[in-house]
Amino acid sequence: MPRRPLVRASWVIGGLLALAVAGCLTNDDGGAAPRTASGPTGFSLPPRPSTAPLPPGCSANRTAVAHVPGAVIVASEVGTLPVPCVSKTGSVSREPTIGITAKGTVFHYPAMVGDNTKPSGVAVSTDRGATWKRVLPNVAGQPTHLVSTDPYLFVDPVTSRVFADDLNVPNCSMFSWSDDEGATWSHSYSGCMETDHQTIFTGRPVTSTTQGYPNIVYRCAINAVALAGASTMSTCQRSLDGGRIWLPPGQPAFVTPTGKLPTICDGALGHGASDGKGSIYLPKGQCGEPLLAISDDEGMTWRRTTVARNGIRGHEAGVGVDPRGNIYYTWVASDGLPYLSVSRDKGATWSAPLMVAAPGVTHAVFPELIVGGEGKIAFVYMGRQPDTSPTTYEAFLAVSYDALSDAPTIFSATVNDPATDAFRVGNCCGGIQDFIDVRIGPDGTPWGAFVDDCLGPGTQCQEAQEVLDTHREGAAGWFWGAPSLWDPEDPNGWYPGTT
């Protein structure tokens, strides 16, 4: 199917951008120093109707800021900028993931009854976050996810099947799925050859024949001991029947390089993804480098690529692939700021890293990314902006519609209002724990999964008690008034179509 070419704006700030990309526009503590560029706007957004009502949870007095890499602010019409919105789920949450079905129903996971030792369920909203209900996967009314040491949710955008996975015994997870938006559930055990820090996603079959479900379900996690910090291996299992039976892993996606031993470089992964041809992608930070593993044969074999040489903090990184096969990768580099790089040749080479933090951000954690149409991306992270006393971290959501440009325009905002509702006070981010998430709804709206780890007004919150803390709440953030992230010829998404 032919694709429309990207609309790109003309630029008159090339010299300034070159300095920004080279890292010259930074302040003393590594944060990006905001600059204002003169001249025309970057990527132009269409105006939204002035009579459109503002949905509940949206900030009437705040909009996203338009900027280009290096935290360079560009001029833009205030009336066209996206408006950040946030909704609290009413349930305790941690390591949140999010998914949206074809009907627009939003699932935020986990929705915990109490701490990690209590039953866990899913927060469900059918009215764009205006209200939420907690649904517990169950058998005959009895909850099946009795404890949650590592939670993960994925909604297959092809079928709208909801998958929920909770590590609840030493090497196995309770794995549940629903085909009726959480009304009823089926169950199995997953991951019994893997352990901690799982990621669940689906992809079209390449060499196998599926049974009773059109897509292959992948579960990738650390292997070779149970804890991320001690693991030397990351592997992927797959299910050909929608999650009932899991096949053994193929070749490990990652192992600690022999030259790094006896140092253990962490087996934890970022969120996995697939493309329209069935290739699968696993991002991770390992031994201080942003890495990507790619498999074209359902995880049986892998090839690995180093995305950049500016380092990485932690194990989290985000990856996505557009309908034309362009790969987008985001990570937090050694300077503590988020970066974006693109590969147009299946990961063989990568563009120069672009620093994509919002103006004023001095430190970031938990980057995740999702891709819609060609050049259209959304990403999230927790960011410090600016240094304050006490230190606070906010939930950032950003979109770009020309991410293939050498200087893409980025629209960034905190979904929470830092002046009235900090999401984390102190070092980031104990109660949130390992990651956050971002997905695109069928109408092209980006949705982020966050945790408010500072309940109460402003910064008046108690310190987290880490794993067993219940003084935190799940939160979903999205943009109102932003154009769709899907291509015009695929208004409800392309995944995983043909190219």
Protein backbone atom coordinates (compact mmCIF):
# COMPACT_ATOMS: atom_id res chain seq x y z
CA MET A 1 0.00 0.00 0.00
CA PRO A 2 1.51 3.39 -0.93
CA ARG A 3 2.31 5.79 1.88
CA ARG A 4 2.06 9.55 1.88
CA PRO A 5 5.39 11.32 2.17
CA LEU A 6 6.12 13.02 5.46
CA VAL A 7 5.34 16.73 5.73
CA ARG A 8 8.53 18.48 6.75
CA ALA A 9 8.99 22.10 7.68
CA SER A 10 11.79 24.34 6.49
CA TRP A 11 14.41 25.21 9.09
CA VAL A 12 16.49 28.32 9.64
CA ILE A 13 18.21 27.18 12.79
CA GLY A 14 20.62 24.63 11.38
CA GLY A 15 23.71 26.02 13.05
CA LEU A 16 22.04 26.12 16.45
CA LEU A 17 20.73 22.57 16.02
CA ALA A 18 24.14 21.26 15.11
CA LEU A 19 25.45 22.57 18.42
CA ALA A 20 22.48 21.03 20.23
CA VAL A 21 23.00 17.60 18.74
CA ALA A 22 26.70 17.76 19.56
CA GLY A 23 25.80 18.21 23.22
CA CYS A 24 26.91 21.84 23.52
CA LEU A 25 23.60 23.10 24.87
CA THR A 26 23.93 21.67 28.37
CA ASN A 27 24.14 23.21 31.78
CA ASP A 28 26.72 22.40 34.42
CA ASP A 29 24.91 19.38 35.89
CA GLY A 30 24.28 17.66 32.56
CA GLY A 31 20.75 18.96 32.03
CA ALA A 32 19.72 20.61 28.81
CA ALA A 33 19.69 24.40 28.89
CA PRO A 34 16.47 25.59 27.20
CA ARG A 35 16.94 27.89 24.23
CA THR A 36 14.35 29.67 22.14
CA ALA A 37 14.76 29.55 18.38
CA SER A 38 13.65 32.44 16.25
CA GLY A 39 12.00 31.93 12.91
CA PRO A 40 9.11 29.77 11.70
CA THR A 41 7.55 26.86 13.53
CA GLY A 42 8.81 23.33 13.22
CA PHE A 43 6.35 20.63 12.21
CA SER A 44 2.95 22.28 11.87
CA LEU A 45 -0.03 20.88 13.75
CA PRO A 46 -3.56 21.47 12.46
CA PRO A 47 -5.71 23.78 14.61
CA ARG A 48 -8.24 22.10 16.84
CA PRO A 49 -11.80 23.44 17.00
CA SER A 50 -12.09 26.29 19.47
CA THR A 51 -15.46 24.95 20.64
CA ALA A 52 -14.20 21.48 21.51
CA PRO A 53 -14.93 20.72 25.19
CA LEU A 54 -11.99 19.88 27.44
CA PRO A 55 -12.31 16.31 28.79
CA PRO A 56 -12.04 15.59 32.53
CA GLY A 57 -8.48 15.36 33.76
CA CYS A 58 -7.05 17.65 31.09
CA SER A 59 -5.11 20.78 32.05
CA ALA A 60 -6.99 23.87 30.91
CA ASN A 61 -4.03 26.15 31.66
CA ARG A 62 -1.18 23.96 30.30
CA THR A 63 -0.15 22.74 26.86
CA ALA A 64 2.76 20.75 25.50
CA VAL A 65 5.90 22.65 24.53
CA ALA A 66 7.22 22.41 20.96
CA HIS A 67 10.97 21.82 20.76
CA VAL A 68 13.64 20.13 18.71
CA PRO A 69 16.54 17.95 19.90
CA GLY A 70 18.85 19.69 22.33
CA ALA A 71 15.87 21.26 24.17
CA VAL A 72 15.61 24.06 21.61
CA ILE A 73 12.15 25.62 21.84
CA VAL A 74 10.47 26.50 18.54
CA ALA A 75 7.66 28.93 17.96
CA SER A 76 4.18 27.44 17.64
CA GLU A 77 0.55 28.46 17.78
CA VAL A 78 -0.62 27.92 21.35
CA GLY A 79 -4.08 26.89 20.18
CA THR A 80 -2.75 23.91 18.24
CA LEU A 81 -0.52 22.38 20.92
CA PRO A 82 -1.62 19.12 22.59
CA VAL A 83 -3.09 19.35 26.08
CA PRO A 84 -1.81 16.89 28.72
CA CYS A 85 -4.37 14.83 30.61
CA VAL A 86 -4.13 12.45 33.55
CA SER A 87 -6.45 10.06 35.36
CA LYS A 88 -5.83 8.07 38.57
CA THR A 89 -7.03 4.46 38.58
CA GLY A 90 -7.90 4.28 42.28
CA SER A 91 -5.71 1.18 42.76
CA VAL A 92 -2.21 0.57 44.05
CA SER A 93 0.19 -0.04 41.18
CA ARG A 94 3.85 -0.60 40.34
CA GLU A 95 5.86 -1.30 37.17
CA PRO A 96 2.81 -0.23 35.16
CA THR A 97 1.82 -1.32 31.66
CA ILE A 98 -1.10 -0.17 29.54
CA GLY A 99 -3.14 -1.39 26.57
CA ILE A 100 -6.11 -0.20 24.52
CA THR A 101 -8.57 -2.44 22.67
CA ALA A 102 -10.24 -1.72 19.32
CA LYS A 103 -13.27 -0.40 21.22
CA GLY A 104 -11.08 2.16 22.98
CA THR A 105 -11.22 0.43 26.37
CA VAL A 106 -8.10 1.23 28.39
CA PHE A 107 -6.40 -1.38 30.60
CA HIS A 108 -3.87 -0.26 33.24
CA TYR A 109 -1.90 -2.94 35.07
CA PRO A 110 -1.53 -3.90 37.83
CA ALA A 111 -4.50 -2.79 39.92
CA MET A 112 -3.54 -4.25 43.29
CA VAL A 113 -5.86 -4.93 46.20
CA GLY A 114 -3.04 -4.12 48.63
CA ASP A 115 0.69 -4.77 48.61
CA ASN A 116 2.48 -7.37 46.49
CA THR A 117 1.31 -10.22 48.70
CA LYS A 118 -2.38 -9.51 47.97
CA PRO A 119 -4.45 -10.38 44.86
CA SER A 120 -3.82 -8.29 41.76
CA GLY A 121 -6.09 -7.29 38.88
CA VAL A 122 -6.56 -4.87 36.00
CA ALA A 123 -7.88 -1.29 36.10
CA VAL A 124 -10.36 -0.86 33.24
CA SER A 125 -11.83 2.36 31.80
CA THR A 126 -14.44 2.50 29.04
CA ASP A 127 -14.77 6.31 29.10
CA ARG A 128 -11.24 7.55 28.39
CA GLY A 129 -10.17 7.58 32.02
CA ALA A 130 -13.20 9.38 33.45
CA THR A 131 -13.94 6.33 35.64
CA TRP A 132 -12.14 3.05 36.43
CA LYS A 133 -13.12 -0.34 37.79
CA ARG A 134 -10.83 -3.09 39.03
CA VAL A 135 -11.23 -6.49 37.38
CA LEU A 136 -9.58 -9.55 38.95
CA PRO A 137 -8.68 -12.47 36.64
CA ASN A 138 -10.47 -15.40 38.28
CA VAL A 139 -11.82 -18.93 38.16
CA ALA A 140 -15.40 -19.25 39.43
CA GLY A 141 -15.07 -15.91 41.17
CA GLN A 142 -11.80 -16.75 42.92
CA PRO A 143 -8.84 -14.54 41.96
CA THR A 144 -5.98 -16.34 40.22
CA HIS A 145 -3.26 -13.66 40.54
CA LEU A 146 -2.83 -14.11 44.29
CA VAL A 147 0.55 -12.37 44.54
CA SER A 148 2.53 -10.18 42.19
CA THR A 149 6.31 -10.02 42.27
CA ASP A 150 6.61 -8.98 38.61
CA PRO A 151 3.51 -7.82 36.65
CA TYR A 152 3.06 -7.26 32.90
CA LEU A 153 0.08 -6.60 30.60
CA PHE A 154 -0.16 -6.54 26.82
CA VAL A 155 -3.18 -5.96 24.57
CA ASP A 156 -2.78 -7.47 21.10
CA PRO A 157 -3.96 -4.67 18.75
CA VAL A 158 -4.90 -7.23 16.09
CA THR A 159 -7.35 -9.23 18.19
CA SER A 160 -7.85 -7.05 21.30
CA ARG A 161 -6.96 -10.07 23.45
CA VAL A 162 -5.77 -8.89 26.86
CA PHE A 163 -2.78 -10.77 28.33
CA ALA A 164 -1.84 -10.45 32.03
CA ASP A 165 1.25 -12.09 33.53
CA ASP A 166 2.36 -12.16 37.19
CA LEU A 167 5.46 -13.88 38.51
CA ASN A 168 4.13 -15.64 41.60
CA VAL A 169 6.25 -18.75 42.21
CA PRO A 170 10.05 -19.09 41.98
CA ASN A 171 10.21 -19.71 38.21
CA CYS A 172 6.64 -19.50 36.87
CA SER A 173 4.04 -16.83 36.24
CA MET A 174 0.26 -16.98 36.38
CA PHE A 175 -0.66 -16.13 32.77
CA SER A 176 -4.23 -15.05 32.00
CA TRP A 177 -6.02 -13.77 28.93
CA SER A 178 -9.43 -12.36 28.06
CA ASP A 179 -11.20 -12.01 24.72
CA ASP A 180 -14.19 -10.06 26.09
CA GLU A 181 -12.50 -7.05 27.66
CA GLY A 182 -12.03 -8.65 31.06
CA ALA A 183 -15.47 -10.21 31.54
CA THR A 184 -14.07 -13.76 31.51
CA TRP A 185 -10.55 -15.18 31.65
CA SER A 186 -8.52 -18.24 30.67
CA HIS A 187 -5.31 -19.23 32.43
CA SER A 188 -2.04 -21.11 32.15
CA TYR A 189 1.46 -21.02 33.63
CA SER A 190 4.17 -19.23 31.69
CA GLY A 191 7.87 -18.55 31.98
CA CYS A 192 8.79 -21.70 33.86
CA MET A 193 12.11 -21.74 31.99
CA GLU A 194 12.60 -18.02 32.66
CA THR A 195 12.21 -15.77 35.65
CA ASP A 196 12.26 -12.06 36.46
CA HIS A 197 11.46 -8.90 34.45
CA GLN A 198 9.30 -10.38 31.70
CA THR A 199 7.97 -8.60 28.61
CA ILE A 200 4.93 -9.92 26.69
CA PHE A 201 4.16 -9.09 23.05
CA THR A 202 2.84 -10.71 19.88
CA GLY A 203 4.00 -11.05 16.29
CA ARG A 204 2.85 -12.65 13.08
CA PRO A 205 4.20 -16.16 12.38
CA VAL A 206 7.26 -16.56 10.17
CA THR A 207 8.10 -20.27 10.11
CA SER A 208 5.50 -21.80 12.46
CA THR A 209 1.84 -22.66 12.13
CA THR A 210 -0.31 -21.20 14.89
CA GLN A 211 -3.23 -23.09 16.44
CA GLY A 212 -6.43 -21.33 17.46
CA TYR A 213 -4.83 -17.88 17.58
CA PRO A 214 -3.45 -15.90 14.63
CA ASN A 215 -0.31 -14.47 16.24
CA ILE A 216 2.64 -15.88 18.12
CA VAL A 217 2.75 -14.79 21.75
CA TYR A 218 6.26 -14.05 23.05
CA ARG A 219 7.44 -13.97 26.65
CA CYS A 220 11.01 -12.73 27.06
CA ALA A 221 12.74 -12.48 30.43
CA ILE A 222 15.97 -12.92 32.31
CA ASN A 223 17.32 -16.43 32.57
CA ALA A 224 20.18 -18.24 34.34
CA VAL A 225 19.20 -17.37 37.95
CA ALA A 226 16.18 -15.52 39.21
CA LEU A 227 17.31 -11.97 39.84
CA ALA A 228 18.17 -9.39 37.20
CA GLY A 229 21.34 -8.19 38.85
CA ALA A 230 22.77 -11.72 38.96
CA SER A 231 21.61 -12.97 35.56
CA THR A 232 23.97 -13.56 32.66
CA MET A 233 21.32 -14.39 30.06
CA SER A 234 18.05 -13.15 28.50
CA THR A 235 15.79 -15.54 26.55
CA CYS A 236 12.40 -15.71 24.80
CA GLN A 237 9.73 -18.39 24.94
CA ARG A 238 6.86 -18.46 22.47
CA SER A 239 3.34 -19.80 22.36
CA LEU A 240 1.68 -20.89 19.11
CA ASP A 241 -1.79 -21.31 20.63
CA GLY A 242 -2.45 -17.93 22.25
CA GLY A 243 -0.73 -18.61 25.57
CA ARG A 244 -1.78 -22.12 26.63
CA ILE A 245 1.46 -23.96 25.87
CA TRP A 246 4.93 -22.43 25.91
CA LEU A 247 7.85 -23.74 23.87
CA PRO A 248 11.46 -23.74 25.14
CA PRO A 249 13.66 -20.75 24.30
CA GLY A 250 15.90 -20.69 21.28
CA GLN A 251 19.30 -19.04 21.26
CA PRO A 252 19.61 -16.44 24.09
CA ALA A 253 18.86 -12.93 22.91
CA PHE A 254 21.62 -11.63 25.18
CA VAL A 255 24.42 -13.10 27.26
CA THR A 256 27.04 -11.31 29.30
CA PRO A 257 30.10 -11.04 27.00
CA THR A 258 32.92 -13.31 28.10
CA GLY A 259 35.26 -10.32 28.15
CA LYS A 260 33.09 -8.69 30.83
CA LEU A 261 33.03 -11.69 33.19
CA PRO A 262 33.09 -12.04 36.16
CA THR A 263 31.15 -8.75 36.06
CA ILE A 264 27.40 -9.43 35.80
CA CYS A 265 25.78 -6.97 33.38
CA ASP A 266 22.11 -7.58 34.30
CA GLY A 267 19.68 -9.75 32.34
CA ALA A 268 16.72 -7.37 32.40
CA LEU A 269 15.15 -6.24 29.11
CA GLY A 270 13.13 -3.32 27.79
CA HIS A 271 9.69 -3.91 26.27
CA GLY A 272 9.77 -6.18 23.20
CA ALA A 273 8.19 -5.33 19.85
CA SER A 274 7.55 -6.85 16.43
CA ASP A 275 7.19 -5.54 12.89
CA GLY A 276 4.81 -6.21 10.02
CA LYS A 277 6.89 -9.13 8.72
CA GLY A 278 7.15 -10.97 12.04
CA SER A 279 10.67 -9.96 13.06
CA ILE A 280 11.00 -9.32 16.78
CA TYR A 281 13.08 -6.72 18.62
CA LEU A 282 14.43 -6.66 22.17
CA PRO A 283 16.13 -3.53 23.57
CA LYS A 284 18.33 -3.46 26.67
CA GLY A 285 21.11 -1.70 28.42
CA GLN A 286 23.96 -4.09 29.11
CA CYS A 287 27.45 -3.36 30.39
CA GLY A 288 26.90 0.36 29.82
CA GLU A 289 25.81 0.17 26.16
CA PRO A 290 22.40 0.61 24.45
CA LEU A 291 21.87 -2.69 22.63
CA LEU A 292 19.22 -4.21 20.38
CA ALA A 293 18.69 -7.89 19.55
CA ILE A 294 16.74 -8.74 16.37
CA SER A 295 15.33 -12.13 15.36
CA ASP A 296 13.83 -12.95 11.97
CA ASP A 297 12.98 -16.57 12.87
CA GLU A 298 10.70 -16.32 15.91
CA GLY A 299 13.50 -16.03 18.46
CA MET A 300 15.45 -19.10 17.38
CA THR A 301 18.51 -17.03 16.45
CA TRP A 302 19.48 -13.42 17.04
CA ARG A 303 21.74 -10.72 15.71
CA ARG A 304 22.78 -7.90 18.00
CA THR A 305 23.67 -4.30 17.35
CA THR A 306 25.05 -1.47 19.45
CA VAL A 307 22.87 1.57 18.84
CA ALA A 308 25.26 4.29 20.09
CA ARG A 309 28.47 4.88 22.02
CA ASN A 310 27.27 7.48 24.52
CA GLY A 311 26.50 4.94 27.21
CA ILE A 312 23.29 3.93 28.95
CA ARG A 313 22.01 4.16 32.50
CA GLY A 314 20.08 1.12 33.70
CA HIS A 315 18.60 -1.70 31.67
CA GLU A 316 15.52 0.08 30.26
CA ALA A 317 15.35 1.14 26.61
CA GLY A 318 12.46 1.47 24.15
CA VAL A 319 12.11 0.24 20.57
CA GLY A 320 9.50 0.37 17.82
CA VAL A 321 9.24 -0.20 14.07
CA ASP A 322 7.09 1.72 11.60
CA PRO A 323 5.23 0.25 8.59
CA ARG A 324 8.22 0.94 6.31
CA GLY A 325 10.65 -0.96 8.53
CA ASN A 326 12.37 2.05 10.13
CA ILE A 327 13.52 1.20 13.68
CA TYR A 328 13.33 3.82 16.45
CA TYR A 329 15.25 3.41 19.71
CA THR A 330 15.29 5.50 22.87
CA TRP A 331 17.45 5.25 26.00
CA VAL A 332 18.90 7.34 28.83
CA ALA A 333 22.60 7.91 28.10
CA SER A 334 25.51 8.37 30.50
CA ASP A 335 24.65 12.06 30.93
CA GLY A 336 21.26 11.10 32.43
CA LEU A 337 19.18 12.43 29.49
CA PRO A 338 16.97 10.58 26.96
CA TYR A 339 18.12 10.09 23.37
CA LEU A 340 16.61 8.90 20.09
CA SER A 341 18.30 7.10 17.21
CA VAL A 342 16.84 5.65 14.00
CA SER A 343 17.94 2.80 11.73
CA ARG A 344 16.71 2.63 8.14
CA ASP A 345 18.60 -0.59 7.30
CA LYS A 346 17.33 -3.21 9.76
CA GLY A 347 19.72 -2.17 12.50
CA ALA A 348 22.95 -2.29 10.49
CA THR A 349 23.60 1.43 11.02
CA TRP A 350 22.09 4.11 13.25
CA SER A 351 21.62 7.85 13.04
CA ALA A 352 23.55 10.14 15.36
CA PRO A 353 21.87 10.24 18.80
CA LEU A 354 19.45 13.13 19.32
CA MET A 355 18.83 14.40 22.84
CA VAL A 356 15.02 14.53 23.09
CA ALA A 357 14.30 15.66 26.65
CA ALA A 358 11.88 18.52 27.19
CA PRO A 359 13.45 21.92 27.91
CA GLY A 360 14.64 22.14 31.50
CA VAL A 361 14.88 18.41 32.19
CA THR A 362 18.08 17.64 34.08
CA HIS A 363 17.73 13.90 34.62
CA ALA A 364 15.50 11.09 33.30
CA VAL A 365 14.72 7.42 33.97
CA PHE A 366 12.44 4.70 32.53
CA PRO A 367 12.32 5.59 28.81
CA GLU A 368 9.77 3.68 26.70
CA LEU A 369 8.68 4.22 23.09
CA ILE A 370 5.88 3.23 20.72
CA VAL A 371 5.59 3.79 16.96
CA GLY A 372 2.50 4.51 14.87
CA GLY A 373 2.73 5.55 11.24
CA GLU A 374 5.88 6.39 9.32
CA GLY A 375 7.93 8.86 11.37
CA LYS A 376 5.28 9.06 14.10
CA ILE A 377 6.33 8.14 17.61
CA ALA A 378 5.35 8.61 21.24
CA PHE A 379 7.64 8.16 24.21
CA VAL A 380 7.55 8.50 27.99
CA TYR A 381 10.01 8.90 30.84
CA MET A 382 10.18 10.15 34.40
CA GLY A 383 12.05 13.46 34.46
CA ARG A 384 13.45 15.96 36.94
CA GLN A 385 12.60 19.52 35.90
CA PRO A 386 14.26 21.55 37.22
CA ASP A 387 16.36 20.84 40.31
CA THR A 388 14.16 21.73 43.29
CA SER A 389 14.14 21.22 47.02
CA PRO A 390 12.86 18.67 47.64
CA THR A 391 13.78 16.96 44.37
CA THR A 392 10.72 15.90 42.37
CA TYR A 393 10.23 13.75 39.28
CA GLU A 394 7.32 14.18 36.87
CA ALA A 395 5.65 11.93 34.28
CA PHE A 396 6.60 13.09 30.76
CA LEU A 397 4.73 12.20 27.57
CA ALA A 398 6.05 13.30 24.17
CA VAL A 399 5.09 12.83 20.51
CA SER A 400 6.75 13.55 17.18
CA TYR A 401 5.22 13.40 13.72
CA ASP A 402 8.47 13.82 11.79
CA ALA A 403 10.84 11.62 13.77
CA LEU A 404 12.70 10.67 10.56
CA SER A 405 13.80 14.28 10.15
CA ASP A 406 17.34 15.31 11.05
CA ALA A 407 15.74 17.77 13.49
CA PRO A 408 12.31 16.43 14.41
CA THR A 409 9.79 18.59 16.23
CA ILE A 410 8.82 17.11 19.60
CA PHE A 411 5.75 18.04 21.61
CA SER A 412 6.42 17.34 25.31
CA ALA A 413 4.48 17.82 28.53
CA THR A 414 4.16 16.47 32.04
CA VAL A 415 0.80 14.72 32.35
CA ASN A 416 0.76 15.65 36.04
CA ASP A 417 0.89 19.30 37.09
CA PRO A 418 4.22 19.73 38.94
CA ALA A 419 2.87 22.75 40.80
CA THR A 420 0.09 20.79 42.50
CA ASP A 421 0.77 17.05 42.09
CA ALA A 422 4.36 15.77 42.07
CA PHE A 423 4.60 12.10 41.09
CA ARG A 424 7.81 11.32 42.96
CA VAL A 425 9.75 13.09 45.70
CA GLY A 426 13.35 12.13 46.36
CA ASN A 427 15.56 9.88 44.27
CA CYS A 428 13.70 8.22 41.43
CA CYS A 429 11.90 5.86 41.54
CA GLY A 430 11.48 3.39 44.38
CA GLY A 431 7.73 2.79 44.39
CA ILE A 432 7.52 2.65 40.60
CA GLN A 433 10.39 0.14 40.60
CA ASP A 434 11.53 -0.93 37.09
CA PHE A 435 9.62 0.66 34.17
CA ILE A 436 6.62 2.55 32.81
CA ASP A 437 4.83 2.09 29.46
CA VAL A 438 3.28 3.80 26.43
CA ARG A 439 0.83 2.61 23.73
CA ILE A 440 -1.29 4.13 20.94
CA GLY A 441 -5.07 3.77 20.90
CA PRO A 442 -7.10 2.94 17.77
CA ASP A 443 -7.90 6.65 17.32
CA GLY A 444 -4.18 7.53 17.29
CA THR A 445 -4.04 8.90 20.86
CA PRO A 446 -0.86 8.15 22.86
CA TRP A 447 -1.46 6.70 26.34
CA GLY A 448 1.21 6.42 29.03
CA ALA A 449 1.18 4.19 32.11
CA PHE A 450 2.54 5.88 35.22
CA VAL A 451 2.46 5.61 39.01
CA ASP A 452 1.78 8.51 41.35
CA ASP A 453 4.34 7.71 44.03
CA CYS A 454 3.57 10.91 45.97
CA LEU A 455 -0.06 10.86 47.04
CA GLY A 456 -1.38 14.13 48.40
CA PRO A 457 -1.11 17.77 47.30
CA GLY A 458 2.15 19.10 45.95
CA THR A 459 5.14 17.36 47.49
CA GLN A 460 3.42 16.42 50.75
CA CYS A 461 3.87 12.67 50.55
CA GLN A 462 5.39 9.99 52.71
CA GLU A 463 8.56 8.25 51.59
CA ALA A 464 8.06 4.99 49.71
CA GLN A 465 8.62 1.66 51.43
CA GLU A 466 9.71 0.14 48.12
CA VAL A 467 8.25 -3.30 47.34
CA LEU A 468 5.51 -3.51 49.99
CA ASP A 469 4.56 0.17 49.91
CA THR A 470 0.87 0.85 49.22
CA HIS A 471 1.06 4.64 49.35
CA ARG A 472 0.98 4.98 45.55
CA GLU A 473 -1.61 4.89 42.80
CA GLY A 474 -1.76 3.91 39.14
CA ALA A 475 -2.14 6.78 36.66
CA ALA A 476 -2.84 6.99 32.94
CA GLY A 477 -1.74 10.02 30.93
CA TRP A 478 -2.64 11.02 27.39
CA PHE A 479 -2.74 13.96 24.98
CA TRP A 480 -5.96 15.69 23.97
CA GLY A 481 -6.13 17.69 20.76
CA ALA A 482 -3.12 16.02 19.11
CA PRO A 483 -3.35 14.60 15.58
CA SER A 484 -3.51 10.84 15.17
CA LEU A 485 -0.22 8.94 15.31
CA TRP A 486 -1.49 6.51 12.67
CA ASP A 487 -1.03 7.15 8.96
CA PRO A 488 -4.08 8.49 7.06
CA GLU A 489 -4.40 5.30 5.01
CA ASP A 490 -4.34 3.22 8.22
CA PRO A 491 -6.52 5.28 10.55
CA ASN A 492 -6.89 2.55 13.18
CA GLY A 493 -3.34 1.23 13.11
CA TRP A 494 -1.40 -1.07 10.82
CA TYR A 495 -0.08 -3.76 13.15
CA PRO A 496 1.02 -6.23 11.94
CA GLY A 497 0.05 -5.64 8.34
CA THR A 498 2.01 -6.04 5.17
CA THR A 499 4.42 -3.44 3.84
